[in-house]
Amino acid sequence: MDQLMDILSEYNSEIDFETYEALVDDEILLNDDLESLAQELNDAYDINITANDIVPENFNSAELIWELIQRLSE
């Protein structure tokens, strides 16, 4: 999870990603950010996030992103 927090803080160091729960809904992470983030997570965690996975339900919070990573790692 620490690595994920480091990756997220690269996008916006002023956001508290540990508590923020509307990253997509509040447009903290935009579509271009999500695609770039997905690729970075694919590389960092050796997973395959597809276009179908890039939805608010998977990216609205760090916890949801972490759950996606864990699910795809299995």
N, C-alpha and C. Protein backbone atom coordinates (compact mmCIF):
# COMPACT_ATOMS: atom_id res chain seq x y z
N MET A 1 0.83 -1.19 0.00
CA MET A 1 0.00 0.00 0.00
C MET A 1 0.88 1.25 0.00
N ASP A 2 2.05 1.18 0.62
CA ASP A 2 2.94 2.34 0.64
C ASP A 2 3.34 2.75 -0.77
N GLN A 3 3.62 1.77 -1.61
CA GLN A 3 4.00 2.06 -2.99
C GLN A 3 2.83 2.74 -3.71
N LEU A 4 1.62 2.29 -3.48
CA LEU A 4 0.45 2.91 -4.08
C LEU A 4 0.33 4.36 -3.63
N MET A 5 0.51 4.62 -2.35
CA MET A 5 0.41 5.98 -1.85
C MET A 5 1.47 6.87 -2.48
N ASP A 6 2.67 6.34 -2.69
CA ASP A 6 3.72 7.11 -3.36
C ASP A 6 3.32 7.44 -4.79
N ILE A 7 2.76 6.47 -5.49
CA ILE A 7 2.33 6.68 -6.87
C ILE A 7 1.24 7.74 -6.92
N LEU A 8 0.25 7.65 -6.03
CA LEU A 8 -0.84 8.61 -6.01
C LEU A 8 -0.35 10.02 -5.66
N SER A 9 0.59 10.12 -4.75
CA SER A 9 1.07 11.44 -4.35
C SER A 9 1.81 12.13 -5.49
N GLU A 10 2.31 11.36 -6.45
CA GLU A 10 2.94 11.96 -7.63
C GLU A 10 1.91 12.73 -8.46
N TYR A 11 0.66 12.30 -8.42
CA TYR A 11 -0.40 12.97 -9.18
C TYR A 11 -0.82 14.28 -8.53
N ASN A 12 -0.88 14.30 -7.21
CA ASN A 12 -1.25 15.53 -6.51
C ASN A 12 -0.81 15.38 -5.05
N SER A 13 0.26 16.05 -4.71
CA SER A 13 0.83 15.90 -3.37
C SER A 13 0.01 16.63 -2.30
N GLU A 14 -0.98 17.43 -2.71
CA GLU A 14 -1.78 18.17 -1.75
C GLU A 14 -3.03 17.41 -1.28
N ILE A 15 -3.33 16.30 -1.92
CA ILE A 15 -4.52 15.51 -1.56
C ILE A 15 -4.13 14.44 -0.55
N ASP A 16 -4.95 14.26 0.47
CA ASP A 16 -4.76 13.19 1.44
C ASP A 16 -5.44 11.94 0.88
N PHE A 17 -4.70 11.18 0.11
CA PHE A 17 -5.26 10.01 -0.57
C PHE A 17 -5.70 8.92 0.39
N GLU A 18 -5.21 8.95 1.62
CA GLU A 18 -5.61 7.93 2.58
C GLU A 18 -7.05 8.09 3.03
N THR A 19 -7.58 9.32 2.97
CA THR A 19 -8.94 9.55 3.45
C THR A 19 -9.90 10.00 2.36
N TYR A 20 -9.41 10.47 1.25
CA TYR A 20 -10.26 11.02 0.18
C TYR A 20 -11.02 9.89 -0.49
N GLU A 21 -12.33 10.06 -0.66
CA GLU A 21 -13.17 8.98 -1.18
C GLU A 21 -13.96 9.34 -2.42
N ALA A 22 -13.54 10.39 -3.14
CA ALA A 22 -14.25 10.78 -4.36
C ALA A 22 -13.26 11.28 -5.41
N LEU A 23 -12.19 10.53 -5.60
CA LEU A 23 -11.12 10.97 -6.50
C LEU A 23 -11.60 11.18 -7.92
N VAL A 24 -12.44 10.30 -8.40
CA VAL A 24 -12.98 10.42 -9.76
C VAL A 24 -14.19 11.35 -9.77
N ASP A 25 -15.10 11.13 -8.83
CA ASP A 25 -16.32 11.93 -8.78
C ASP A 25 -16.04 13.43 -8.63
N ASP A 26 -15.00 13.77 -7.86
CA ASP A 26 -14.63 15.18 -7.65
C ASP A 26 -13.57 15.65 -8.65
N GLU A 27 -13.29 14.83 -9.64
CA GLU A 27 -12.36 15.14 -10.72
C GLU A 27 -10.94 15.46 -10.25
N ILE A 28 -10.53 14.79 -9.17
CA ILE A 28 -9.14 14.85 -8.74
C ILE A 28 -8.32 14.03 -9.73
N LEU A 29 -8.84 12.87 -10.10
CA LEU A 29 -8.24 12.04 -11.14
C LEU A 29 -9.15 12.11 -12.36
N LEU A 30 -8.63 12.61 -13.46
CA LEU A 30 -9.38 12.73 -14.71
C LEU A 30 -9.11 11.51 -15.58
N ASN A 31 -9.82 11.39 -16.69
CA ASN A 31 -9.67 10.23 -17.57
C ASN A 31 -8.23 9.99 -17.99
N ASP A 32 -7.53 11.04 -18.40
CA ASP A 32 -6.12 10.87 -18.79
C ASP A 32 -5.28 10.38 -17.62
N ASP A 33 -5.57 10.92 -16.43
CA ASP A 33 -4.86 10.48 -15.22
C ASP A 33 -5.12 9.01 -14.95
N LEU A 34 -6.37 8.60 -15.12
CA LEU A 34 -6.73 7.21 -14.84
C LEU A 34 -6.02 6.25 -15.78
N GLU A 35 -5.95 6.60 -17.04
CA GLU A 35 -5.25 5.73 -17.99
C GLU A 35 -3.77 5.65 -17.67
N SER A 36 -3.18 6.78 -17.35
CA SER A 36 -1.76 6.81 -16.98
C SER A 36 -1.52 6.06 -15.67
N LEU A 37 -2.38 6.29 -14.70
CA LEU A 37 -2.27 5.60 -13.42
C LEU A 37 -2.43 4.10 -13.59
N ALA A 38 -3.38 3.69 -14.40
CA ALA A 38 -3.58 2.26 -14.64
C ALA A 38 -2.32 1.62 -15.22
N GLN A 39 -1.70 2.30 -16.17
CA GLN A 39 -0.47 1.75 -16.76
C GLN A 39 0.66 1.68 -15.72
N GLU A 40 0.75 2.72 -14.90
CA GLU A 40 1.78 2.72 -13.87
C GLU A 40 1.54 1.60 -12.85
N LEU A 41 0.29 1.38 -12.50
CA LEU A 41 -0.04 0.29 -11.57
C LEU A 41 0.20 -1.07 -12.21
N ASN A 42 -0.11 -1.21 -13.48
CA ASN A 42 0.17 -2.45 -14.20
C ASN A 42 1.65 -2.78 -14.09
N ASP A 43 2.49 -1.78 -14.32
CA ASP A 43 3.94 -1.99 -14.28
C ASP A 43 4.44 -2.25 -12.86
N ALA A 44 3.95 -1.47 -11.91
CA ALA A 44 4.42 -1.57 -10.53
C ALA A 44 4.01 -2.88 -9.86
N TYR A 45 2.82 -3.37 -10.17
CA TYR A 45 2.28 -4.54 -9.48
C TYR A 45 2.16 -5.77 -10.37
N ASP A 46 2.64 -5.67 -11.61
CA ASP A 46 2.58 -6.78 -12.56
C ASP A 46 1.16 -7.34 -12.66
N ILE A 47 0.21 -6.42 -12.93
CA ILE A 47 -1.19 -6.78 -13.11
C ILE A 47 -1.65 -6.26 -14.47
N ASN A 48 -2.90 -6.53 -14.82
CA ASN A 48 -3.45 -6.05 -16.08
C ASN A 48 -4.79 -5.36 -15.84
N ILE A 49 -4.73 -4.04 -15.65
CA ILE A 49 -5.95 -3.25 -15.51
C ILE A 49 -6.44 -2.95 -16.92
N THR A 50 -7.66 -3.38 -17.21
CA THR A 50 -8.22 -3.18 -18.55
C THR A 50 -9.11 -1.93 -18.55
N ALA A 51 -9.55 -1.54 -19.73
CA ALA A 51 -10.45 -0.39 -19.85
C ALA A 51 -11.73 -0.62 -19.05
N ASN A 52 -12.18 -1.85 -18.98
CA ASN A 52 -13.39 -2.17 -18.21
C ASN A 52 -13.20 -1.95 -16.71
N ASP A 53 -11.95 -1.98 -16.24
CA ASP A 53 -11.65 -1.79 -14.82
C ASP A 53 -11.57 -0.31 -14.45
N ILE A 54 -11.41 0.56 -15.44
CA ILE A 54 -11.20 1.98 -15.17
C ILE A 54 -12.56 2.65 -15.02
N VAL A 55 -13.15 2.46 -13.85
CA VAL A 55 -14.45 3.03 -13.49
C VAL A 55 -14.34 3.62 -12.09
N PRO A 56 -15.21 4.57 -11.77
CA PRO A 56 -15.15 5.19 -10.44
C PRO A 56 -15.20 4.18 -9.30
N GLU A 57 -15.94 3.12 -9.46
CA GLU A 57 -16.06 2.12 -8.40
C GLU A 57 -14.71 1.50 -8.04
N ASN A 58 -13.74 1.58 -8.93
CA ASN A 58 -12.40 1.04 -8.66
C ASN A 58 -11.37 2.11 -8.34
N PHE A 59 -11.68 3.38 -8.62
CA PHE A 59 -10.67 4.43 -8.51
C PHE A 59 -11.09 5.64 -7.67
N ASN A 60 -12.20 5.59 -6.96
CA ASN A 60 -12.64 6.75 -6.18
C ASN A 60 -11.85 6.95 -4.89
N SER A 61 -11.12 5.95 -4.45
CA SER A 61 -10.31 6.10 -3.24
C SER A 61 -9.09 5.19 -3.34
N ALA A 62 -8.11 5.48 -2.52
CA ALA A 62 -6.91 4.64 -2.48
C ALA A 62 -7.28 3.22 -2.05
N GLU A 63 -8.23 3.10 -1.12
CA GLU A 63 -8.66 1.78 -0.66
C GLU A 63 -9.28 0.97 -1.80
N LEU A 64 -10.10 1.63 -2.62
CA LEU A 64 -10.71 0.93 -3.77
C LEU A 64 -9.65 0.54 -4.80
N ILE A 65 -8.68 1.40 -5.01
CA ILE A 65 -7.60 1.08 -5.94
C ILE A 65 -6.81 -0.10 -5.39
N TRP A 66 -6.54 -0.09 -4.09
CA TRP A 66 -5.80 -1.19 -3.47
C TRP A 66 -6.57 -2.51 -3.59
N GLU A 67 -7.88 -2.45 -3.40
CA GLU A 67 -8.71 -3.65 -3.55
C GLU A 67 -8.65 -4.16 -4.99
N LEU A 68 -8.65 -3.27 -5.96
CA LEU A 68 -8.52 -3.67 -7.37
C LEU A 68 -7.18 -4.35 -7.59
N ILE A 69 -6.12 -3.77 -7.07
CA ILE A 69 -4.78 -4.36 -7.21
C ILE A 69 -4.75 -5.75 -6.62
N GLN A 70 -5.29 -5.89 -5.42
CA GLN A 70 -5.30 -7.20 -4.76
C GLN A 70 -6.11 -8.21 -5.56
N ARG A 71 -7.27 -7.80 -6.04
CA ARG A 71 -8.13 -8.69 -6.84
C ARG A 71 -7.43 -9.16 -8.11
N LEU A 72 -6.76 -8.24 -8.79
CA LEU A 72 -6.09 -8.59 -10.04
C LEU A 72 -4.79 -9.35 -9.81
N SER A 73 -4.27 -9.29 -8.61
CA SER A 73 -3.03 -10.01 -8.29
C SER A 73 -3.26 -11.48 -7.99
N GLU A 74 -4.51 -11.83 -7.73
CA GLU A 74 -4.82 -13.22 -7.37
C GLU A 74 -4.76 -14.15 -8.55
